[in-house]
PDB file of all heavy atoms in Angstrom:
ATOM      1  N   LYS A   1      69.400 -73.572   9.218  1.00  0.00           N
ATOM      2  CA  LYS A   1      70.814 -73.720   9.613  1.00  0.00           C
ATOM      3  C   LYS A   1      71.632 -72.622   8.972  1.00  0.00           C
ATOM      4  O   LYS A   1      72.609 -72.117   9.562  1.00  0.00           O
ATOM      5  CB  LYS A   1      71.350 -75.091   9.191  1.00  0.00           C
ATOM      6  CG  LYS A   1      70.900 -76.175  10.132  1.00  0.00           C
ATOM      7  CD  LYS A   1      71.475 -77.516   9.720  1.00  0.00           C
ATOM      8  CE  LYS A   1      70.941 -78.597  10.653  1.00  0.00           C
ATOM      9  NZ  LYS A   1      71.378 -79.938  10.295  1.00  0.00           N
ATOM     10  N   VAL A   2      71.289 -72.186   7.776  1.00  0.00           N
ATOM     11  CA  VAL A   2      72.008 -71.137   7.075  1.00  0.00           C
ATOM     12  C   VAL A   2      71.524 -69.751   7.505  1.00  0.00           C
ATOM     13  O   VAL A   2      72.310 -68.830   7.657  1.00  0.00           O
ATOM     14  CB  VAL A   2      71.857 -71.306   5.535  1.00  0.00           C
ATOM     15  CG1 VAL A   2      72.461 -70.124   4.790  1.00  0.00           C
ATOM     16  CG2 VAL A   2      72.480 -72.608   5.085  1.00  0.00           C
ATOM     17  N   ASN A   3      70.231 -69.569   7.708  1.00  0.00           N
ATOM     18  CA  ASN A   3      69.635 -68.232   7.759  1.00  0.00           C
ATOM     19  C   ASN A   3      69.011 -67.828   9.107  1.00  0.00           C
ATOM     20  O   ASN A   3      68.424 -66.758   9.204  1.00  0.00           O
ATOM     21  CB  ASN A   3      68.547 -68.144   6.690  1.00  0.00           C
ATOM     22  CG  ASN A   3      69.136 -68.318   5.305  1.00  0.00           C
ATOM     23  OD1 ASN A   3      69.963 -67.547   4.878  1.00  0.00           O
ATOM     24  ND2 ASN A   3      68.718 -69.385   4.637  1.00  0.00           N
ATOM     25  N   ALA A   4      69.141 -68.636  10.144  1.00  0.00           N
ATOM     26  CA  ALA A   4      68.476 -68.374  11.402  1.00  0.00           C
ATOM     27  C   ALA A   4      68.790 -66.991  11.962  1.00  0.00           C
ATOM     28  O   ALA A   4      67.932 -66.349  12.569  1.00  0.00           O
ATOM     29  CB  ALA A   4      68.810 -69.427  12.436  1.00  0.00           C
ATOM     30  N   GLU A   5      69.996 -66.505  11.786  1.00  0.00           N
ATOM     31  CA  GLU A   5      70.355 -65.213  12.388  1.00  0.00           C
ATOM     32  C   GLU A   5      69.517 -64.055  11.829  1.00  0.00           C
ATOM     33  O   GLU A   5      69.364 -63.041  12.494  1.00  0.00           O
ATOM     34  CB  GLU A   5      71.828 -64.901  12.190  1.00  0.00           C
ATOM     35  CG  GLU A   5      72.237 -64.497  10.771  1.00  0.00           C
ATOM     36  CD  GLU A   5      73.694 -64.097  10.708  1.00  0.00           C
ATOM     37  OE1 GLU A   5      74.562 -64.979  10.597  1.00  0.00           O
ATOM     38  OE2 GLU A   5      73.965 -62.895  10.738  1.00  0.00           O
ATOM     39  N   ALA A   6      68.958 -64.201  10.640  1.00  0.00           N
ATOM     40  CA  ALA A   6      68.125 -63.167  10.055  1.00  0.00           C
ATOM     41  C   ALA A   6      66.672 -63.250  10.500  1.00  0.00           C
ATOM     42  O   ALA A   6      65.846 -62.381  10.169  1.00  0.00           O
ATOM     43  CB  ALA A   6      68.176 -63.196   8.542  1.00  0.00           C
ATOM     44  N   ILE A   7      66.357 -64.309  11.261  1.00  0.00           N
ATOM     45  CA  ILE A   7      64.960 -64.539  11.693  1.00  0.00           C
ATOM     46  C   ILE A   7      64.842 -64.346  13.205  1.00  0.00           C
ATOM     47  O   ILE A   7      64.049 -63.542  13.673  1.00  0.00           O
ATOM     48  CB  ILE A   7      64.512 -65.960  11.289  1.00  0.00           C
ATOM     49  CG1 ILE A   7      64.701 -66.210   9.777  1.00  0.00           C
ATOM     50  CG2 ILE A   7      63.080 -66.221  11.741  1.00  0.00           C
ATOM     51  CD1 ILE A   7      63.961 -65.278   8.880  1.00  0.00           C
ATOM     52  N   PHE A   8      65.632 -65.065  13.968  1.00  0.00           N
ATOM     53  CA  PHE A   8      65.513 -65.040  15.429  1.00  0.00           C
ATOM     54  C   PHE A   8      66.160 -63.797  16.017  1.00  0.00           C
ATOM     55  O   PHE A   8      67.279 -63.406  15.664  1.00  0.00           O
ATOM     56  CB  PHE A   8      66.162 -66.278  16.046  1.00  0.00           C
ATOM     57  CG  PHE A   8      65.450 -67.540  15.689  1.00  0.00           C
ATOM     58  CD1 PHE A   8      66.047 -68.490  14.908  1.00  0.00           C
ATOM     59  CD2 PHE A   8      64.147 -67.767  16.141  1.00  0.00           C
ATOM     60  CE1 PHE A   8      65.400 -69.655  14.568  1.00  0.00           C
ATOM     61  CE2 PHE A   8      63.474 -68.932  15.780  1.00  0.00           C
ATOM     62  CZ  PHE A   8      64.107 -69.878  14.977  1.00  0.00           C
ATOM     63  N   GLY A   9      65.431 -63.102  16.876  1.00  0.00           N
ATOM     64  CA  GLY A   9      65.935 -61.889  17.512  1.00  0.00           C
ATOM     65  C   GLY A   9      65.940 -60.675  16.630  1.00  0.00           C
ATOM     66  O   GLY A   9      66.509 -59.657  16.996  1.00  0.00           O
ATOM     67  N   THR A  10      65.278 -60.742  15.496  1.00  0.00           N
ATOM     68  CA  THR A  10      65.200 -59.614  14.589  1.00  0.00           C
ATOM     69  C   THR A  10      63.800 -58.999  14.646  1.00  0.00           C
ATOM     70  O   THR A  10      62.882 -59.577  15.222  1.00  0.00           O
ATOM     71  CB  THR A  10      65.491 -60.001  13.116  1.00  0.00           C
ATOM     72  OG1 THR A  10      64.470 -60.900  12.663  1.00  0.00           O
ATOM     73  CG2 THR A  10      66.867 -60.646  12.979  1.00  0.00           C
ATOM     74  N   ARG A  11      63.686 -57.858  14.012  1.00  0.00           N
ATOM     75  CA  ARG A  11      62.359 -57.241  13.873  1.00  0.00           C
ATOM     76  C   ARG A  11      62.223 -56.766  12.425  1.00  0.00           C
ATOM     77  O   ARG A  11      63.223 -56.439  11.771  1.00  0.00           O
ATOM     78  CB  ARG A  11      62.166 -56.084  14.855  1.00  0.00           C
ATOM     79  CG  ARG A  11      63.170 -54.965  14.672  1.00  0.00           C
ATOM     80  CD  ARG A  11      62.919 -53.834  15.694  1.00  0.00           C
ATOM     81  NE  ARG A  11      63.922 -52.840  15.586  1.00  0.00           N
ATOM     82  CZ  ARG A  11      63.902 -51.786  14.747  1.00  0.00           C
ATOM     83  NH1 ARG A  11      62.880 -51.633  13.947  1.00  0.00           N
ATOM     84  NH2 ARG A  11      64.885 -50.925  14.726  1.00  0.00           N
ATOM     85  N   SER A  12      61.030 -56.711  11.959  1.00  0.00           N
ATOM     86  CA  SER A  12      60.781 -56.170  10.616  1.00  0.00           C
ATOM     87  C   SER A  12      61.058 -54.710  10.625  1.00  0.00           C
ATOM     88  O   SER A  12      60.798 -54.022  11.632  1.00  0.00           O
ATOM     89  CB  SER A  12      59.327 -56.417  10.174  1.00  0.00           C
ATOM     90  OG  SER A  12      59.083 -57.783  10.063  1.00  0.00           O
ATOM     91  N   ILE A  13      61.540 -54.168   9.500  1.00  0.00           N
ATOM     92  CA  ILE A  13      61.774 -52.715   9.420  1.00  0.00           C
ATOM     93  C   ILE A  13      61.174 -52.185   8.106  1.00  0.00           C
ATOM     94  O   ILE A  13      61.054 -52.928   7.131  1.00  0.00           O
ATOM     95  CB  ILE A  13      63.271 -52.376   9.495  1.00  0.00           C
ATOM     96  CG1 ILE A  13      64.083 -53.039   8.391  1.00  0.00           C
ATOM     97  CG2 ILE A  13      63.843 -52.709  10.849  1.00  0.00           C
ATOM     98  CD1 ILE A  13      65.492 -52.475   8.239  1.00  0.00           C
ATOM     99  N   ALA A  14      60.805 -50.934   8.146  1.00  0.00           N
ATOM    100  CA  ALA A  14      60.237 -50.275   6.956  1.00  0.00           C
ATOM    101  C   ALA A  14      61.313 -50.263   5.893  1.00  0.00           C
ATOM    102  O   ALA A  14      62.494 -50.067   6.202  1.00  0.00           O
ATOM    103  CB  ALA A  14      59.803 -48.876   7.332  1.00  0.00           C
ATOM    104  N   PRO A  15      60.923 -50.466   4.666  1.00  0.00           N
ATOM    105  CA  PRO A  15      59.593 -50.531   4.101  1.00  0.00           C
ATOM    106  C   PRO A  15      58.960 -51.905   4.193  1.00  0.00           C
ATOM    107  O   PRO A  15      57.946 -52.172   3.528  1.00  0.00           O
ATOM    108  CB  PRO A  15      59.820 -50.140   2.650  1.00  0.00           C
ATOM    109  CG  PRO A  15      61.130 -50.769   2.332  1.00  0.00           C
ATOM    110  CD  PRO A  15      61.932 -50.591   3.608  1.00  0.00           C
ATOM    111  N   TYR A  16      59.525 -52.825   5.032  1.00  0.00           N
ATOM    112  CA  TYR A  16      59.005 -54.158   5.264  1.00  0.00           C
ATOM    113  C   TYR A  16      59.148 -55.079   4.026  1.00  0.00           C
ATOM    114  O   TYR A  16      59.655 -56.118   4.097  1.00  0.00           O
ATOM    115  CB  TYR A  16      57.577 -54.159   5.792  1.00  0.00           C
ATOM    116  CG  TYR A  16      57.397 -53.233   6.956  1.00  0.00           C
ATOM    117  CD1 TYR A  16      56.707 -52.040   6.803  1.00  0.00           C
ATOM    118  CD2 TYR A  16      57.966 -53.522   8.172  1.00  0.00           C
ATOM    119  CE1 TYR A  16      56.594 -51.168   7.874  1.00  0.00           C
ATOM    120  CE2 TYR A  16      57.861 -52.665   9.268  1.00  0.00           C
ATOM    121  CZ  TYR A  16      57.159 -51.507   9.090  1.00  0.00           C
ATOM    122  OH  TYR A  16      57.063 -50.638  10.148  1.00  0.00           O
ATOM    123  N   ARG A  17      58.631 -54.600   2.889  1.00  0.00           N
ATOM    124  CA  ARG A  17      58.670 -55.369   1.674  1.00  0.00           C
ATOM    125  C   ARG A  17      58.917 -54.485   0.490  1.00  0.00           C
ATOM    126  O   ARG A  17      58.313 -53.401   0.403  1.00  0.00           O
ATOM    127  CB  ARG A  17      57.357 -56.109   1.510  1.00  0.00           C
ATOM    128  CG  ARG A  17      57.282 -57.145   0.433  1.00  0.00           C
ATOM    129  CD  ARG A  17      57.932 -58.464   0.913  1.00  0.00           C
ATOM    130  NE  ARG A  17      57.981 -59.379  -0.192  1.00  0.00           N
ATOM    131  CZ  ARG A  17      57.135 -60.399  -0.386  1.00  0.00           C
ATOM    132  NH1 ARG A  17      56.183 -60.611   0.477  1.00  0.00           N
ATOM    133  NH2 ARG A  17      57.299 -61.188  -1.426  1.00  0.00           N
ATOM    134  N   GLU A  18      59.828 -54.874  -0.397  1.00  0.00           N
ATOM    135  CA  GLU A  18      60.093 -54.141  -1.640  1.00  0.00           C
ATOM    136  C   GLU A  18      60.256 -55.164  -2.726  1.00  0.00           C
ATOM    137  O   GLU A  18      61.263 -55.897  -2.749  1.00  0.00           O
ATOM    138  CB  GLU A  18      61.411 -53.347  -1.437  1.00  0.00           C
ATOM    139  CG  GLU A  18      61.980 -52.751  -2.705  1.00  0.00           C
ATOM    140  CD  GLU A  18      63.357 -52.169  -2.463  1.00  0.00           C
ATOM    141  OE1 GLU A  18      63.742 -51.852  -1.338  1.00  0.00           O
ATOM    142  OE2 GLU A  18      64.048 -52.037  -3.488  1.00  0.00           O
ATOM    143  N   ASP A  19      59.272 -55.269  -3.594  1.00  0.00           N
ATOM    144  CA  ASP A  19      59.281 -56.255  -4.671  1.00  0.00           C
ATOM    145  C   ASP A  19      59.528 -57.648  -4.092  1.00  0.00           C
ATOM    146  O   ASP A  19      58.703 -58.119  -3.353  1.00  0.00           O
ATOM    147  CB  ASP A  19      60.317 -55.848  -5.727  1.00  0.00           C
ATOM    148  CG  ASP A  19      60.159 -56.642  -7.044  1.00  0.00           C
ATOM    149  OD1 ASP A  19      59.031 -57.074  -7.315  1.00  0.00           O
ATOM    150  OD2 ASP A  19      61.148 -56.836  -7.758  1.00  0.00           O
ATOM    151  N   LYS A  20      60.689 -58.273  -4.330  1.00  0.00           N
ATOM    152  CA  LYS A  20      60.977 -59.597  -3.859  1.00  0.00           C
ATOM    153  C   LYS A  20      61.806 -59.595  -2.578  1.00  0.00           C
ATOM    154  O   LYS A  20      62.330 -60.634  -2.152  1.00  0.00           O
ATOM    155  CB  LYS A  20      61.715 -60.400  -4.930  1.00  0.00           C
ATOM    156  CG  LYS A  20      60.916 -60.689  -6.178  1.00  0.00           C
ATOM    157  CD  LYS A  20      61.704 -61.487  -7.149  1.00  0.00           C
ATOM    158  CE  LYS A  20      60.878 -61.822  -8.353  1.00  0.00           C
ATOM    159  NZ  LYS A  20      61.671 -62.653  -9.295  1.00  0.00           N
ATOM    160  N   ILE A  21      61.932 -58.458  -1.953  1.00  0.00           N
ATOM    161  CA  ILE A  21      62.808 -58.314  -0.765  1.00  0.00           C
ATOM    162  C   ILE A  21      61.957 -57.984   0.469  1.00  0.00           C
ATOM    163  O   ILE A  21      61.110 -57.099   0.440  1.00  0.00           O
ATOM    164  CB  ILE A  21      63.840 -57.167  -0.963  1.00  0.00           C
ATOM    165  CG1 ILE A  21      64.634 -57.335  -2.263  1.00  0.00           C
ATOM    166  CG2 ILE A  21      64.734 -57.052   0.256  1.00  0.00           C
ATOM    167  CD1 ILE A  21      65.620 -58.432  -2.254  1.00  0.00           C
ATOM    168  N   ALA A  22      62.237 -58.708   1.575  1.00  0.00           N
ATOM    169  CA  ALA A  22      61.673 -58.386   2.882  1.00  0.00           C
ATOM    170  C   ALA A  22      62.829 -58.022   3.799  1.00  0.00           C
ATOM    171  O   ALA A  22      63.909 -58.595   3.680  1.00  0.00           O
ATOM    172  CB  ALA A  22      60.901 -59.589   3.448  1.00  0.00           C
ATOM    173  N   TYR A  23      62.612 -57.037   4.713  1.00  0.00           N
ATOM    174  CA  TYR A  23      63.710 -56.525   5.537  1.00  0.00           C
ATOM    175  C   TYR A  23      63.523 -56.862   7.005  1.00  0.00           C
ATOM    176  O   TYR A  23      62.404 -56.739   7.526  1.00  0.00           O
ATOM    177  CB  TYR A  23      63.784 -55.018   5.415  1.00  0.00           C
ATOM    178  CG  TYR A  23      64.218 -54.554   4.030  1.00  0.00           C
ATOM    179  CD1 TYR A  23      63.292 -54.098   3.119  1.00  0.00           C
ATOM    180  CD2 TYR A  23      65.540 -54.576   3.660  1.00  0.00           C
ATOM    181  CE1 TYR A  23      63.692 -53.663   1.856  1.00  0.00           C
ATOM    182  CE2 TYR A  23      65.966 -54.186   2.419  1.00  0.00           C
ATOM    183  CZ  TYR A  23      65.002 -53.710   1.508  1.00  0.00           C
ATOM    184  OH  TYR A  23      65.405 -53.303   0.261  1.00  0.00           O
ATOM    185  N   THR A  24      64.634 -57.283   7.677  1.00  0.00           N
ATOM    186  CA  THR A  24      64.640 -57.409   9.101  1.00  0.00           C
ATOM    187  C   THR A  24      65.921 -56.748   9.617  1.00  0.00           C
ATOM    188  O   THR A  24      66.831 -56.465   8.843  1.00  0.00           O
ATOM    189  CB  THR A  24      64.592 -58.877   9.563  1.00  0.00           C
ATOM    190  OG1 THR A  24      65.779 -59.584   9.123  1.00  0.00           O
ATOM    191  CG2 THR A  24      63.360 -59.608   9.075  1.00  0.00           C
ATOM    192  N   LYS A  25      65.950 -56.566  10.928  1.00  0.00           N
ATOM    193  CA  LYS A  25      67.108 -55.894  11.548  1.00  0.00           C
ATOM    194  C   LYS A  25      67.347 -56.436  12.950  1.00  0.00           C
ATOM    195  O   LYS A  25      66.434 -56.792  13.655  1.00  0.00           O
ATOM    196  CB  LYS A  25      66.861 -54.385  11.629  1.00  0.00           C
ATOM    197  CG  LYS A  25      67.991 -53.580  12.194  1.00  0.00           C
ATOM    198  CD  LYS A  25      67.692 -52.110  12.199  1.00  0.00           C
ATOM    199  CE  LYS A  25      68.902 -51.335  12.707  1.00  0.00           C
ATOM    200  NZ  LYS A  25      68.702 -49.898  12.661  1.00  0.00           N
ATOM    201  N   LYS A  26      68.651 -56.534  13.285  1.00  0.00           N
ATOM    202  CA  LYS A  26      69.063 -56.896  14.616  1.00  0.00           C
ATOM    203  C   LYS A  26      70.262 -56.027  14.968  1.00  0.00           C
ATOM    204  O   LYS A  26      71.314 -56.126  14.280  1.00  0.00           O
ATOM    205  CB  LYS A  26      69.460 -58.356  14.684  1.00  0.00           C
ATOM    206  CG  LYS A  26      69.851 -58.843  16.100  1.00  0.00           C
ATOM    207  CD  LYS A  26      70.310 -60.282  16.201  1.00  0.00           C
ATOM    208  CE  LYS A  26      69.862 -61.225  15.161  1.00  0.00           C
ATOM    209  NZ  LYS A  26      70.343 -62.585  15.332  1.00  0.00           N
ATOM    210  N   GLY A  27      70.144 -55.151  15.935  1.00  0.00           N
ATOM    211  CA  GLY A  27      71.227 -54.206  16.267  1.00  0.00           C
ATOM    212  C   GLY A  27      71.523 -53.346  15.061  1.00  0.00           C
ATOM    213  O   GLY A  27      70.594 -52.703  14.512  1.00  0.00           O
ATOM    214  N   ASN A  28      72.778 -53.286  14.631  1.00  0.00           N
ATOM    215  CA  ASN A  28      73.140 -52.446  13.464  1.00  0.00           C
ATOM    216  C   ASN A  28      73.185 -53.261  12.183  1.00  0.00           C
ATOM    217  O   ASN A  28      73.589 -52.727  11.140  1.00  0.00           O
ATOM    218  CB  ASN A  28      74.523 -51.828  13.680  1.00  0.00           C
ATOM    219  CG  ASN A  28      74.506 -50.787  14.764  1.00  0.00           C
ATOM    220  OD1 ASN A  28      73.480 -50.095  14.974  1.00  0.00           O
ATOM    221  ND2 ASN A  28      75.588 -50.632  15.484  1.00  0.00           N
ATOM    222  N   THR A  29      72.751 -54.480  12.250  1.00  0.00           N
ATOM    223  CA  THR A  29      72.775 -55.365  11.064  1.00  0.00           C
ATOM    224  C   THR A  29      71.399 -55.402  10.399  1.00  0.00           C
ATOM    225  O   THR A  29      70.369 -55.616  11.080  1.00  0.00           O
ATOM    226  CB  THR A  29      73.205 -56.777  11.437  1.00  0.00           C
ATOM    227  OG1 THR A  29      74.498 -56.712  12.063  1.00  0.00           O
ATOM    228  CG2 THR A  29      73.278 -57.691  10.234  1.00  0.00           C
ATOM    229  N   ILE A  30      71.364 -55.177   9.092  1.00  0.00           N
ATOM    230  CA  ILE A  30      70.132 -55.256   8.338  1.00  0.00           C
ATOM    231  C   ILE A  30      70.190 -56.472   7.423  1.00  0.00           C
ATOM    232  O   ILE A  30      71.219 -56.735   6.753  1.00  0.00           O
ATOM    233  CB  ILE A  30      69.885 -53.965   7.517  1.00  0.00           C
ATOM    234  CG1 ILE A  30      69.708 -52.804   8.470  1.00  0.00           C
ATOM    235  CG2 ILE A  30      68.706 -54.123   6.579  1.00  0.00           C
ATOM    236  CD1 ILE A  30      69.600 -51.463   7.788  1.00  0.00           C
ATOM    237  N   TYR A  31      69.083 -57.196   7.357  1.00  0.00           N
ATOM    238  CA  TYR A  31      68.979 -58.365   6.470  1.00  0.00           C
ATOM    239  C   TYR A  31      67.925 -58.048   5.399  1.00  0.00           C
ATOM    240  O   TYR A  31      66.862 -57.573   5.680  1.00  0.00           O
ATOM    241  CB  TYR A  31      68.529 -59.575   7.272  1.00  0.00           C
ATOM    242  CG  TYR A  31      69.483 -59.936   8.408  1.00  0.00           C
ATOM    243  CD1 TYR A  31      69.289 -59.454   9.693  1.00  0.00           C
ATOM    244  CD2 TYR A  31      70.596 -60.716   8.135  1.00  0.00           C
ATOM    245  CE1 TYR A  31      70.129 -59.792  10.724  1.00  0.00           C
ATOM    246  CE2 TYR A  31      71.470 -61.068   9.152  1.00  0.00           C
ATOM    247  CZ  TYR A  31      71.247 -60.573  10.450  1.00  0.00           C
ATOM    248  OH  TYR A  31      72.109 -60.875  11.450  1.00  0.00           O
ATOM    249  N   ALA A  32      68.319 -58.357   4.148  1.00  0.00           N
ATOM    250  CA  ALA A  32      67.423 -58.257   3.012  1.00  0.00           C
ATOM    251  C   ALA A  32      67.149 -59.674   2.508  1.00  0.00           C
ATOM    252  O   ALA A  32      68.042 -60.311   1.975  1.00  0.00           O
ATOM    253  CB  ALA A  32      68.037 -57.385   1.923  1.00  0.00           C
ATOM    254  N   ILE A  33      65.954 -60.133   2.723  1.00  0.00           N
ATOM    255  CA  ILE A  33      65.572 -61.495   2.389  1.00  0.00           C
ATOM    256  C   ILE A  33      64.996 -61.522   0.979  1.00  0.00           C
ATOM    257  O   ILE A  33      63.930 -60.942   0.750  1.00  0.00           O
ATOM    258  CB  ILE A  33      64.570 -62.062   3.390  1.00  0.00           C
ATOM    259  CG1 ILE A  33      65.114 -61.928   4.837  1.00  0.00           C
ATOM    260  CG2 ILE A  33      64.181 -63.498   3.063  1.00  0.00           C
ATOM    261  CD1 ILE A  33      64.097 -62.140   5.933  1.00  0.00           C
ATOM    262  N   TYR A  34      65.709 -62.169   0.080  1.00  0.00           N
ATOM    263  CA  TYR A  34      65.263 -62.235  -1.345  1.00  0.00           C
ATOM    264  C   TYR A  34      64.344 -63.451  -1.447  1.00  0.00           C
ATOM    265  O   TYR A  34      64.704 -64.588  -1.227  1.00  0.00           O
ATOM    266  CB  TYR A  34      66.473 -62.402  -2.267  1.00  0.00           C
ATOM    267  CG  TYR A  34      66.080 -62.429  -3.737  1.00  0.00           C
ATOM    268  CD1 TYR A  34      65.987 -61.228  -4.448  1.00  0.00           C
ATOM    269  CD2 TYR A  34      65.841 -63.598  -4.386  1.00  0.00           C
ATOM    270  CE1 TYR A  34      65.646 -61.245  -5.771  1.00  0.00           C
ATOM    271  CE2 TYR A  34      65.447 -63.613  -5.700  1.00  0.00           C
ATOM    272  CZ  TYR A  34      65.370 -62.441  -6.414  1.00  0.00           C
ATOM    273  OH  TYR A  34      65.008 -62.453  -7.734  1.00  0.00           O
ATOM    274  N   LEU A  35      63.104 -63.186  -1.839  1.00  0.00           N
ATOM    275  CA  LEU A  35      62.055 -64.207  -1.992  1.00  0.00           C
ATOM    276  C   LEU A  35      61.822 -64.438  -3.470  1.00  0.00           C
ATOM    277  O   LEU A  35      61.156 -63.641  -4.143  1.00  0.00           O
ATOM    278  CB  LEU A  35      60.763 -63.716  -1.306  1.00  0.00           C
ATOM    279  CG  LEU A  35      60.928 -63.354   0.170  1.00  0.00           C
ATOM    280  CD1 LEU A  35      59.724 -62.575   0.662  1.00  0.00           C
ATOM    281  CD2 LEU A  35      61.180 -64.586   1.004  1.00  0.00           C
ATOM    282  N   PRO A  36      62.397 -65.516  -4.017  1.00  0.00           N
ATOM    283  CA  PRO A  36      62.311 -65.732  -5.468  1.00  0.00           C
ATOM    284  C   PRO A  36      60.887 -66.070  -5.905  1.00  0.00           C
ATOM    285  O   PRO A  36      60.057 -66.511  -5.130  1.00  0.00           O
ATOM    286  CB  PRO A  36      63.249 -66.920  -5.691  1.00  0.00           C
ATOM    287  CG  PRO A  36      63.261 -67.652  -4.407  1.00  0.00           C
ATOM    288  CD  PRO A  36      63.081 -66.579  -3.335  1.00  0.00           C
ATOM    289  N   GLY A  37      60.679 -65.906  -7.224  1.00  0.00           N
ATOM    290  CA  GLY A  37      59.377 -66.269  -7.828  1.00  0.00           C
ATOM    291  C   GLY A  37      59.265 -67.778  -7.857  1.00  0.00           C
ATOM    292  O   GLY A  37      60.228 -68.534  -7.603  1.00  0.00           O
ATOM    293  N   ASP A  38      58.109 -68.266  -8.224  1.00  0.00           N
ATOM    294  CA  ASP A  38      57.804 -69.720  -8.227  1.00  0.00           C
ATOM    295  C   ASP A  38      58.803 -70.531  -9.065  1.00  0.00           C
ATOM    296  O   ASP A  38      59.178 -71.627  -8.681  1.00  0.00           O
ATOM    297  CB  ASP A  38      56.389 -69.967  -8.710  1.00  0.00           C
ATOM    298  CG  ASP A  38      55.351 -69.495  -7.721  1.00  0.00           C
ATOM    299  OD1 ASP A  38      55.699 -69.362  -6.512  1.00  0.00           O
ATOM    300  OD2 ASP A  38      54.215 -69.272  -8.130  1.00  0.00           O
ATOM    301  N   ASN A  39      59.188 -70.054 -10.217  1.00  0.00           N
ATOM    302  CA  ASN A  39      60.059 -70.781 -11.121  1.00  0.00           C
ATOM    303  C   ASN A  39      61.523 -70.347 -11.002  1.00  0.00           C
ATOM    304  O   ASN A  39      62.326 -70.731 -11.840  1.00  0.00           O
ATOM    305  CB  ASN A  39      59.590 -70.671 -12.539  1.00  0.00           C
ATOM    306  CG  ASN A  39      58.223 -71.294 -12.736  1.00  0.00           C
ATOM    307  OD1 ASN A  39      57.911 -72.305 -12.145  1.00  0.00           O
ATOM    308  ND2 ASN A  39      57.372 -70.662 -13.535  1.00  0.00           N
ATOM    309  N   GLU A  40      61.858 -69.569 -10.015  1.00  0.00           N
ATOM    310  CA  GLU A  40      63.194 -69.049  -9.861  1.00  0.00           C
ATOM    311  C   GLU A  40      63.982 -69.927  -8.890  1.00  0.00           C
ATOM    312  O   GLU A  40      63.702 -69.961  -7.688  1.00  0.00           O
ATOM    313  CB  GLU A  40      63.088 -67.592  -9.295  1.00  0.00           C
ATOM    314  CG  GLU A  40      64.268 -66.765  -9.474  1.00  0.00           C
ATOM    315  CD  GLU A  40      64.025 -65.317  -9.036  1.00  0.00           C
ATOM    316  OE1 GLU A  40      62.880 -64.980  -8.656  1.00  0.00           O
ATOM    317  OE2 GLU A  40      64.975 -64.567  -9.099  1.00  0.00           O
ATOM    318  N   THR A  41      64.957 -70.675  -9.414  1.00  0.00           N
ATOM    319  CA  THR A  41      65.738 -71.601  -8.583  1.00  0.00           C
ATOM    320  C   THR A  41      67.179 -71.156  -8.350  1.00  0.00           C
ATOM    321  O   THR A  41      67.846 -71.719  -7.509  1.00  0.00           O
ATOM    322  CB  THR A  41      65.739 -73.002  -9.218  1.00  0.00           C
ATOM    323  OG1 THR A  41      66.277 -72.915 -10.518  1.00  0.00           O
ATOM    324  CG2 THR A  41      64.326 -73.609  -9.261  1.00  0.00           C
TER     325      THR A  41
END
């Protein structure tokens, strides 16, 4: 409900993954998805 716009209708972009960040893009908008560690809340 919060994040669907960064998933649907997007495509992965280089460098695809950087440490804890994964990148997607839709049009001129870039999304950087922060993927926390196991104990990171």
